[in-house]
Amino acid sequence: MAAKYGVDNAVPPWKTSLDGICDALDQSSCGAEVLSFVDRRNEEDALSATIYSDLPYPENRLVALAHSLVVRGVIDEAELDERLAAVRDRLEA
């Protein structure tokens, strides 16, 4: 995808934030109750290989995590929409 769009850095800037969120979930005292490391990775692999298989890596990983957090009620779809709109507004400003 990077070559298709002429991107020099194939790692998107939000990848560091995604890694940090996953690390925080893995190490937090309530993380295992919400989504344990093993469950998160297994679910991420399953979703990335099925529902989100048409998305490139690491976008499929990001969407799989969002999917898992919405399903578990950590974030609801309305809040996710609001956050996405805020990011879109910053990018388009």
PDB file of N, CA and C in Angstrom:
ATOM      1  N   MET A   1       0.825  -1.179   0.000  1.00  0.00           N
ATOM      2  CA  MET A   1       0.000   0.000   0.000  1.00  0.00           C
ATOM      3  C   MET A   1       0.876   1.253   0.000  1.00  0.00           C
ATOM      4  N   ALA A   2       1.990   1.217   0.731  1.00  0.00           N
ATOM      5  CA  ALA A   2       2.882   2.377   0.787  1.00  0.00           C
ATOM      6  C   ALA A   2       3.397   2.729  -0.609  1.00  0.00           C
ATOM      7  N   ALA A   3       3.789   1.718  -1.371  1.00  0.00           N
ATOM      8  CA  ALA A   3       4.296   1.972  -2.717  1.00  0.00           C
ATOM      9  C   ALA A   3       3.195   2.513  -3.627  1.00  0.00           C
ATOM     10  N   LYS A   4       2.000   1.988  -3.469  1.00  0.00           N
ATOM     11  CA  LYS A   4       0.872   2.424  -4.301  1.00  0.00           C
ATOM     12  C   LYS A   4       0.601   3.918  -4.138  1.00  0.00           C
ATOM     13  N   TYR A   5       0.725   4.422  -2.907  1.00  0.00           N
ATOM     14  CA  TYR A   5       0.418   5.823  -2.636  1.00  0.00           C
ATOM     15  C   TYR A   5       1.663   6.690  -2.466  1.00  0.00           C
ATOM     16  N   GLY A   6       2.834   6.146  -2.760  1.00  0.00           N
ATOM     17  CA  GLY A   6       4.062   6.921  -2.707  1.00  0.00           C
ATOM     18  C   GLY A   6       4.478   7.337  -1.308  1.00  0.00           C
ATOM     19  N   VAL A   7       4.187   6.497  -0.331  1.00  0.00           N
ATOM     20  CA  VAL A   7       4.538   6.796   1.054  1.00  0.00           C
ATOM     21  C   VAL A   7       5.943   6.260   1.330  1.00  0.00           C
ATOM     22  N   ASP A   8       6.804   7.124   1.860  1.00  0.00           N
ATOM     23  CA  ASP A   8       8.178   6.707   2.160  1.00  0.00           C
ATOM     24  C   ASP A   8       8.258   5.857   3.420  1.00  0.00           C
ATOM     25  N   ASN A   9       7.471   6.207   4.438  1.00  0.00           N
ATOM     26  CA  ASN A   9       7.488   5.478   5.700  1.00  0.00           C
ATOM     27  C   ASN A   9       6.274   4.556   5.726  1.00  0.00           C
ATOM     28  N   ALA A  10       6.525   3.266   5.546  1.00  0.00           N
ATOM     29  CA  ALA A  10       5.427   2.308   5.461  1.00  0.00           C
ATOM     30  C   ALA A  10       4.716   2.083   6.795  1.00  0.00           C
ATOM     31  N   VAL A  11       5.323   2.520   7.887  1.00  0.00           N
ATOM     32  CA  VAL A  11       4.709   2.367   9.206  1.00  0.00           C
ATOM     33  C   VAL A  11       3.937   3.646   9.519  1.00  0.00           C
ATOM     34  N   PRO A  12       2.607   3.546   9.610  1.00  0.00           N
ATOM     35  CA  PRO A  12       1.828   4.759   9.873  1.00  0.00           C
ATOM     36  C   PRO A  12       2.128   5.325  11.264  1.00  0.00           C
ATOM     37  N   PRO A  13       2.002   6.629  11.431  1.00  0.00           N
ATOM     38  CA  PRO A  13       2.340   7.248  12.721  1.00  0.00           C
ATOM     39  C   PRO A  13       1.473   6.759  13.870  1.00  0.00           C
ATOM     40  N   TRP A  14       0.275   6.293  13.603  1.00  0.00           N
ATOM     41  CA  TRP A  14      -0.596   5.817  14.669  1.00  0.00           C
ATOM     42  C   TRP A  14      -0.244   4.417  15.143  1.00  0.00           C
ATOM     43  N   LYS A  15       0.672   3.731  14.438  1.00  0.00           N
ATOM     44  CA  LYS A  15       1.057   2.362  14.823  1.00  0.00           C
ATOM     45  C   LYS A  15       1.652   2.333  16.217  1.00  0.00           C
ATOM     46  N   THR A  16       2.419   3.349  16.593  1.00  0.00           N
ATOM     47  CA  THR A  16       3.002   3.420  17.934  1.00  0.00           C
ATOM     48  C   THR A  16       1.905   3.516  18.986  1.00  0.00           C
ATOM     49  N   SER A  17       0.874   4.315  18.702  1.00  0.00           N
ATOM     50  CA  SER A  17      -0.249   4.431  19.636  1.00  0.00           C
ATOM     51  C   SER A  17      -0.992   3.103  19.761  1.00  0.00           C
ATOM     52  N   LEU A  18      -1.180   2.411  18.649  1.00  0.00           N
ATOM     53  CA  LEU A  18      -1.840   1.106  18.678  1.00  0.00           C
ATOM     54  C   LEU A  18      -1.051   0.135  19.537  1.00  0.00           C
ATOM     55  N   ASP A  19       0.263   0.086  19.347  1.00  0.00           N
ATOM     56  CA  ASP A  19       1.105  -0.797  20.150  1.00  0.00           C
ATOM     57  C   ASP A  19       1.002  -0.441  21.632  1.00  0.00           C
ATOM     58  N   GLY A  20       0.971   0.864  21.921  1.00  0.00           N
ATOM     59  CA  GLY A  20       0.857   1.316  23.305  1.00  0.00           C
ATOM     60  C   GLY A  20      -0.470   0.927  23.928  1.00  0.00           C
ATOM     61  N   ILE A  21      -1.554   1.042  23.171  1.00  0.00           N
ATOM     62  CA  ILE A  21      -2.871   0.646  23.677  1.00  0.00           C
ATOM     63  C   ILE A  21      -2.885  -0.850  23.982  1.00  0.00           C
ATOM     64  N   CYS A  22      -2.337  -1.631  23.084  1.00  0.00           N
ATOM     65  CA  CYS A  22      -2.289  -3.083  23.305  1.00  0.00           C
ATOM     66  C   CYS A  22      -1.436  -3.414  24.532  1.00  0.00           C
ATOM     67  N   ASP A  23      -0.294  -2.761  24.675  1.00  0.00           N
ATOM     68  CA  ASP A  23       0.550  -2.978  25.852  1.00  0.00           C
ATOM     69  C   ASP A  23      -0.178  -2.593  27.127  1.00  0.00           C
ATOM     70  N   ALA A  24      -0.886  -1.460  27.104  1.00  0.00           N
ATOM     71  CA  ALA A  24      -1.626  -1.011  28.285  1.00  0.00           C
ATOM     72  C   ALA A  24      -2.720  -2.009  28.652  1.00  0.00           C
ATOM     73  N   LEU A  25      -3.440  -2.511  27.655  1.00  0.00           N
ATOM     74  CA  LEU A  25      -4.467  -3.523  27.928  1.00  0.00           C
ATOM     75  C   LEU A  25      -3.844  -4.780  28.523  1.00  0.00           C
ATOM     76  N   ASP A  26      -2.712  -5.190  27.966  1.00  0.00           N
ATOM     77  CA  ASP A  26      -2.048  -6.410  28.422  1.00  0.00           C
ATOM     78  C   ASP A  26      -1.549  -6.294  29.855  1.00  0.00           C
ATOM     79  N   GLN A  27      -1.143  -5.088  30.262  1.00  0.00           N
ATOM     80  CA  GLN A  27      -0.506  -4.919  31.569  1.00  0.00           C
ATOM     81  C   GLN A  27      -1.399  -4.280  32.629  1.00  0.00           C
ATOM     82  N   SER A  28      -2.585  -3.815  32.255  1.00  0.00           N
ATOM     83  CA  SER A  28      -3.433  -3.147  33.232  1.00  0.00           C
ATOM     84  C   SER A  28      -4.067  -4.162  34.167  1.00  0.00           C
ATOM     85  N   SER A  29      -4.432  -3.684  35.343  1.00  0.00           N
ATOM     86  CA  SER A  29      -5.024  -4.579  36.329  1.00  0.00           C
ATOM     87  C   SER A  29      -6.394  -5.079  35.887  1.00  0.00           C
ATOM     88  N   CYS A  30      -7.095  -4.318  35.058  1.00  0.00           N
ATOM     89  CA  CYS A  30      -8.414  -4.760  34.577  1.00  0.00           C
ATOM     90  C   CYS A  30      -8.338  -5.299  33.162  1.00  0.00           C
ATOM     91  N   GLY A  31      -7.163  -5.246  32.548  1.00  0.00           N
ATOM     92  CA  GLY A  31      -7.028  -5.667  31.160  1.00  0.00           C
ATOM     93  C   GLY A  31      -7.442  -7.097  30.904  1.00  0.00           C
ATOM     94  N   ALA A  32      -6.994  -7.998  31.751  1.00  0.00           N
ATOM     95  CA  ALA A  32      -7.327  -9.408  31.544  1.00  0.00           C
ATOM     96  C   ALA A  32      -8.821  -9.665  31.689  1.00  0.00           C
ATOM     97  N   GLU A  33      -9.485  -8.866  32.534  1.00  0.00           N
ATOM     98  CA  GLU A  33     -10.936  -9.012  32.683  1.00  0.00           C
ATOM     99  C   GLU A  33     -11.644  -8.555  31.413  1.00  0.00           C
ATOM    100  N   VAL A  34     -11.118  -7.531  30.789  1.00  0.00           N
ATOM    101  CA  VAL A  34     -11.716  -6.988  29.573  1.00  0.00           C
ATOM    102  C   VAL A  34     -11.290  -7.809  28.364  1.00  0.00           C
ATOM    103  N   LEU A  35      -9.993  -8.000  28.224  1.00  0.00           N
ATOM    104  CA  LEU A  35      -9.452  -8.701  27.061  1.00  0.00           C
ATOM    105  C   LEU A  35      -8.017  -9.115  27.383  1.00  0.00           C
ATOM    106  N   SER A  36      -7.822 -10.382  27.715  1.00  0.00           N
ATOM    107  CA  SER A  36      -6.479 -10.850  28.069  1.00  0.00           C
ATOM    108  C   SER A  36      -5.575 -10.844  26.848  1.00  0.00           C
ATOM    109  N   PHE A  37      -4.273 -10.909  27.091  1.00  0.00           N
ATOM    110  CA  PHE A  37      -3.294 -10.916  26.002  1.00  0.00           C
ATOM    111  C   PHE A  37      -3.588 -12.040  25.012  1.00  0.00           C
ATOM    112  N   VAL A  38      -3.774 -13.242  25.535  1.00  0.00           N
ATOM    113  CA  VAL A  38      -4.002 -14.407  24.670  1.00  0.00           C
ATOM    114  C   VAL A  38      -5.312 -14.252  23.904  1.00  0.00           C
ATOM    115  N   ASP A  39      -6.372 -13.831  24.608  1.00  0.00           N
ATOM    116  CA  ASP A  39      -7.659 -13.642  23.933  1.00  0.00           C
ATOM    117  C   ASP A  39      -7.568 -12.550  22.872  1.00  0.00           C
ATOM    118  N   ARG A  40      -6.886 -11.444  23.217  1.00  0.00           N
ATOM    119  CA  ARG A  40      -6.751 -10.341  22.261  1.00  0.00           C
ATOM    120  C   ARG A  40      -6.020 -10.798  21.012  1.00  0.00           C
ATOM    121  N   ARG A  41      -4.899 -11.482  21.186  1.00  0.00           N
ATOM    122  CA  ARG A  41      -4.116 -11.930  20.034  1.00  0.00           C
ATOM    123  C   ARG A  41      -4.874 -12.959  19.199  1.00  0.00           C
ATOM    124  N   ASN A  42      -5.535 -13.906  19.877  1.00  0.00           N
ATOM    125  CA  ASN A  42      -6.300 -14.915  19.138  1.00  0.00           C
ATOM    126  C   ASN A  42      -7.448 -14.273  18.366  1.00  0.00           C
ATOM    127  N   GLU A  43      -8.151 -13.340  19.016  1.00  0.00           N
ATOM    128  CA  GLU A  43      -9.259 -12.671  18.354  1.00  0.00           C
ATOM    129  C   GLU A  43      -8.751 -11.794  17.213  1.00  0.00           C
ATOM    130  N   GLU A  44      -7.644 -11.096  17.459  1.00  0.00           N
ATOM    131  CA  GLU A  44      -7.044 -10.259  16.408  1.00  0.00           C
ATOM    132  C   GLU A  44      -6.672 -11.105  15.197  1.00  0.00           C
ATOM    133  N   ASP A  45      -6.036 -12.247  15.431  1.00  0.00           N
ATOM    134  CA  ASP A  45      -5.651 -13.132  14.332  1.00  0.00           C
ATOM    135  C   ASP A  45      -6.878 -13.641  13.577  1.00  0.00           C
ATOM    136  N   ALA A  46      -7.908 -14.043  14.324  1.00  0.00           N
ATOM    137  CA  ALA A  46      -9.116 -14.581  13.686  1.00  0.00           C
ATOM    138  C   ALA A  46      -9.835 -13.507  12.872  1.00  0.00           C
ATOM    139  N   LEU A  47     -10.005 -12.316  13.453  1.00  0.00           N
ATOM    140  CA  LEU A  47     -10.699 -11.241  12.741  1.00  0.00           C
ATOM    141  C   LEU A  47      -9.896 -10.770  11.533  1.00  0.00           C
ATOM    142  N   SER A  48      -8.580 -10.687  11.687  1.00  0.00           N
ATOM    143  CA  SER A  48      -7.719 -10.243  10.584  1.00  0.00           C
ATOM    144  C   SER A  48      -7.719 -11.241   9.428  1.00  0.00           C
ATOM    145  N   ALA A  49      -7.910 -12.505   9.749  1.00  0.00           N
ATOM    146  CA  ALA A  49      -7.899 -13.544   8.718  1.00  0.00           C
ATOM    147  C   ALA A  49      -9.264 -13.747   8.071  1.00  0.00           C
ATOM    148  N   THR A  50     -10.317 -13.207   8.687  1.00  0.00           N
ATOM    149  CA  THR A  50     -11.660 -13.447   8.164  1.00  0.00           C
ATOM    150  C   THR A  50     -12.348 -12.123   7.793  1.00  0.00           C
ATOM    151  N   ILE A  51     -12.983 -11.513   8.756  1.00  0.00           N
ATOM    152  CA  ILE A  51     -13.791 -10.317   8.508  1.00  0.00           C
ATOM    153  C   ILE A  51     -12.974  -9.181   7.900  1.00  0.00           C
ATOM    154  N   TYR A  52     -11.743  -9.002   8.396  1.00  0.00           N
ATOM    155  CA  TYR A  52     -10.920  -7.875   7.947  1.00  0.00           C
ATOM    156  C   TYR A  52      -9.758  -8.302   7.064  1.00  0.00           C
ATOM    157  N   SER A  53      -9.918  -9.426   6.385  1.00  0.00           N
ATOM    158  CA  SER A  53      -8.817  -9.943   5.553  1.00  0.00           C
ATOM    159  C   SER A  53      -8.523  -9.062   4.341  1.00  0.00           C
ATOM    160  N   ASP A  54      -9.466  -8.236   3.931  1.00  0.00           N
ATOM    161  CA  ASP A  54      -9.241  -7.351   2.781  1.00  0.00           C
ATOM    162  C   ASP A  54      -8.456  -6.097   3.150  1.00  0.00           C
ATOM    163  N   LEU A  55      -8.300  -5.841   4.447  1.00  0.00           N
ATOM    164  CA  LEU A  55      -7.536  -4.669   4.887  1.00  0.00           C
ATOM    165  C   LEU A  55      -6.059  -5.020   4.982  1.00  0.00           C
ATOM    166  N   PRO A  56      -5.191  -4.082   4.668  1.00  0.00           N
ATOM    167  CA  PRO A  56      -3.747  -4.341   4.804  1.00  0.00           C
ATOM    168  C   PRO A  56      -3.329  -4.300   6.269  1.00  0.00           C
ATOM    169  N   TYR A  57      -2.166  -4.889   6.556  1.00  0.00           N
ATOM    170  CA  TYR A  57      -1.567  -4.780   7.874  1.00  0.00           C
ATOM    171  C   TYR A  57      -0.852  -3.434   7.927  1.00  0.00           C
ATOM    172  N   PRO A  58      -0.899  -2.690   8.993  1.00  0.00           N
ATOM    173  CA  PRO A  58      -1.465  -2.937  10.305  1.00  0.00           C
ATOM    174  C   PRO A  58      -2.888  -2.423  10.485  1.00  0.00           C
ATOM    175  N   GLU A  59      -3.512  -1.945   9.409  1.00  0.00           N
ATOM    176  CA  GLU A  59      -4.879  -1.441   9.528  1.00  0.00           C
ATOM    177  C   GLU A  59      -5.824  -2.526  10.015  1.00  0.00           C
ATOM    178  N   ASN A  60      -5.627  -3.771   9.558  1.00  0.00           N
ATOM    179  CA  ASN A  60      -6.509  -4.847  10.002  1.00  0.00           C
ATOM    180  C   ASN A  60      -6.378  -5.088  11.506  1.00  0.00           C
ATOM    181  N   ARG A  61      -5.191  -4.883  12.035  1.00  0.00           N
ATOM    182  CA  ARG A  61      -4.979  -5.054  13.473  1.00  0.00           C
ATOM    183  C   ARG A  61      -5.711  -3.966  14.257  1.00  0.00           C
ATOM    184  N   LEU A  62      -5.651  -2.743  13.765  1.00  0.00           N
ATOM    185  CA  LEU A  62      -6.338  -1.623  14.404  1.00  0.00           C
ATOM    186  C   LEU A  62      -7.850  -1.841  14.416  1.00  0.00           C
ATOM    187  N   VAL A  63      -8.403  -2.243  13.284  1.00  0.00           N
ATOM    188  CA  VAL A  63      -9.842  -2.453  13.189  1.00  0.00           C
ATOM    189  C   VAL A  63     -10.266  -3.655  14.027  1.00  0.00           C
ATOM    190  N   ALA A  64      -9.448  -4.693  14.075  1.00  0.00           N
ATOM    191  CA  ALA A  64      -9.766  -5.861  14.899  1.00  0.00           C
ATOM    192  C   ALA A  64      -9.809  -5.481  16.382  1.00  0.00           C
ATOM    193  N   LEU A  65      -8.882  -4.645  16.835  1.00  0.00           N
ATOM    194  CA  LEU A  65      -8.892  -4.210  18.233  1.00  0.00           C
ATOM    195  C   LEU A  65     -10.133  -3.374  18.519  1.00  0.00           C
ATOM    196  N   ALA A  66     -10.455  -2.444  17.626  1.00  0.00           N
ATOM    197  CA  ALA A  66     -11.663  -1.634  17.807  1.00  0.00           C
ATOM    198  C   ALA A  66     -12.892  -2.539  17.872  1.00  0.00           C
ATOM    199  N   HIS A  67     -12.965  -3.514  16.995  1.00  0.00           N
ATOM    200  CA  HIS A  67     -14.071  -4.477  16.977  1.00  0.00           C
ATOM    201  C   HIS A  67     -14.186  -5.166  18.342  1.00  0.00           C
ATOM    202  N   SER A  68     -13.080  -5.659  18.851  1.00  0.00           N
ATOM    203  CA  SER A  68     -13.075  -6.367  20.134  1.00  0.00           C
ATOM    204  C   SER A  68     -13.515  -5.475  21.281  1.00  0.00           C
ATOM    205  N   LEU A  69     -13.057  -4.225  21.279  1.00  0.00           N
ATOM    206  CA  LEU A  69     -13.409  -3.307  22.363  1.00  0.00           C
ATOM    207  C   LEU A  69     -14.874  -2.889  22.291  1.00  0.00           C
ATOM    208  N   VAL A  70     -15.417  -2.746  21.089  1.00  0.00           N
ATOM    209  CA  VAL A  70     -16.842  -2.418  20.944  1.00  0.00           C
ATOM    210  C   VAL A  70     -17.699  -3.600  21.415  1.00  0.00           C
ATOM    211  N   VAL A  71     -17.331  -4.793  20.997  1.00  0.00           N
ATOM    212  CA  VAL A  71     -18.089  -5.987  21.383  1.00  0.00           C
ATOM    213  C   VAL A  71     -18.124  -6.141  22.905  1.00  0.00           C
ATOM    214  N   ARG A  72     -17.029  -5.782  23.572  1.00  0.00           N
ATOM    215  CA  ARG A  72     -16.952  -5.924  25.027  1.00  0.00           C
ATOM    216  C   ARG A  72     -17.501  -4.717  25.786  1.00  0.00           C
ATOM    217  N   GLY A  73     -17.941  -3.705  25.082  1.00  0.00           N
ATOM    218  CA  GLY A  73     -18.525  -2.541  25.731  1.00  0.00           C
ATOM    219  C   GLY A  73     -17.522  -1.586  26.341  1.00  0.00           C
ATOM    220  N   VAL A  74     -16.244  -1.722  25.985  1.00  0.00           N
ATOM    221  CA  VAL A  74     -15.223  -0.800  26.483  1.00  0.00           C
ATOM    222  C   VAL A  74     -15.419   0.571  25.856  1.00  0.00           C
ATOM    223  N   ILE A  75     -15.793   0.584  24.603  1.00  0.00           N
ATOM    224  CA  ILE A  75     -16.124   1.804  23.879  1.00  0.00           C
ATOM    225  C   ILE A  75     -17.365   1.477  23.046  1.00  0.00           C
ATOM    226  N   ASP A  76     -18.291   2.419  22.953  1.00  0.00           N
ATOM    227  CA  ASP A  76     -19.471   2.129  22.132  1.00  0.00           C
ATOM    228  C   ASP A  76     -19.300   2.744  20.746  1.00  0.00           C
ATOM    229  N   GLU A  77     -20.153   2.326  19.841  1.00  0.00           N
ATOM    230  CA  GLU A  77     -20.016   2.762  18.449  1.00  0.00           C
ATOM    231  C   GLU A  77     -20.154   4.268  18.296  1.00  0.00           C
ATOM    232  N   ALA A  78     -21.026   4.889  19.087  1.00  0.00           N
ATOM    233  CA  ALA A  78     -21.202   6.344  18.997  1.00  0.00           C
ATOM    234  C   ALA A  78     -19.925   7.069  19.416  1.00  0.00           C
ATOM    235  N   GLU A  79     -19.292   6.601  20.495  1.00  0.00           N
ATOM    236  CA  GLU A  79     -18.047   7.224  20.946  1.00  0.00           C
ATOM    237  C   GLU A  79     -16.945   7.002  19.911  1.00  0.00           C
ATOM    238  N   LEU A  80     -16.893   5.819  19.338  1.00  0.00           N
ATOM    239  CA  LEU A  80     -15.903   5.534  18.301  1.00  0.00           C
ATOM    240  C   LEU A  80     -16.117   6.450  17.098  1.00  0.00           C
ATOM    241  N   ASP A  81     -17.369   6.632  16.690  1.00  0.00           N
ATOM    242  CA  ASP A  81     -17.673   7.548  15.585  1.00  0.00           C
ATOM    243  C   ASP A  81     -17.218   8.966  15.895  1.00  0.00           C
ATOM    244  N   GLU A  82     -17.456   9.424  17.130  1.00  0.00           N
ATOM    245  CA  GLU A  82     -17.047  10.774  17.527  1.00  0.00           C
ATOM    246  C   GLU A  82     -15.529  10.928  17.459  1.00  0.00           C
ATOM    247  N   ARG A  83     -14.821   9.925  17.952  1.00  0.00           N
ATOM    248  CA  ARG A  83     -13.358   9.995  17.938  1.00  0.00           C
ATOM    249  C   ARG A  83     -12.817   9.964  16.515  1.00  0.00           C
ATOM    250  N   LEU A  84     -13.419   9.144  15.675  1.00  0.00           N
ATOM    251  CA  LEU A  84     -12.990   9.098  14.279  1.00  0.00           C
ATOM    252  C   LEU A  84     -13.259  10.424  13.576  1.00  0.00           C
ATOM    253  N   ALA A  85     -14.386  11.033  13.870  1.00  0.00           N
ATOM    254  CA  ALA A  85     -14.716  12.337  13.275  1.00  0.00           C
ATOM    255  C   ALA A  85     -13.713  13.399  13.723  1.00  0.00           C
ATOM    256  N   ALA A  86     -13.307  13.357  14.992  1.00  0.00           N
ATOM    257  CA  ALA A  86     -12.333  14.325  15.507  1.00  0.00           C
ATOM    258  C   ALA A  86     -10.985  14.147  14.813  1.00  0.00           C
ATOM    259  N   VAL A  87     -10.581  12.901  14.613  1.00  0.00           N
ATOM    260  CA  VAL A  87      -9.310  12.634  13.917  1.00  0.00           C
ATOM    261  C   VAL A  87      -9.412  13.104  12.470  1.00  0.00           C
ATOM    262  N   ARG A  88     -10.527  12.818  11.823  1.00  0.00           N
ATOM    263  CA  ARG A  88     -10.730  13.218  10.431  1.00  0.00           C
ATOM    264  C   ARG A  88     -10.674  14.755  10.316  1.00  0.00           C
ATOM    265  N   ASP A  89     -11.320  15.457  11.264  1.00  0.00           N
ATOM    266  CA  ASP A  89     -11.296  16.920  11.257  1.00  0.00           C
ATOM    267  C   ASP A  89      -9.884  17.453  11.384  1.00  0.00           C
ATOM    268  N   ARG A  90      -9.077  16.855  12.267  1.00  0.00           N
ATOM    269  CA  ARG A  90      -7.678  17.307  12.429  1.00  0.00           C
ATOM    270  C   ARG A  90      -6.877  17.064  11.157  1.00  0.00           C
ATOM    271  N   LEU A  91      -7.104  15.929  10.521  1.00  0.00           N
ATOM    272  CA  LEU A  91      -6.361  15.609   9.297  1.00  0.00           C
ATOM    273  C   LEU A  91      -6.739  16.531   8.149  1.00  0.00           C
ATOM    274  N   GLU A  92      -7.990  16.934   8.097  1.00  0.00           N
ATOM    275  CA  GLU A  92      -8.460  17.762   6.995  1.00  0.00           C
ATOM    276  C   GLU A  92      -8.268  19.256   7.245  1.00  0.00           C
ATOM    277  N   ALA A  93      -7.847  19.622   8.463  1.00  0.00           N
ATOM    278  CA  ALA A  93      -7.665  21.048   8.800  1.00  0.00           C
ATOM    279  C   ALA A  93      -6.402  21.599   8.172  1.00  0.00           C
TER     280      ALA A  93
END
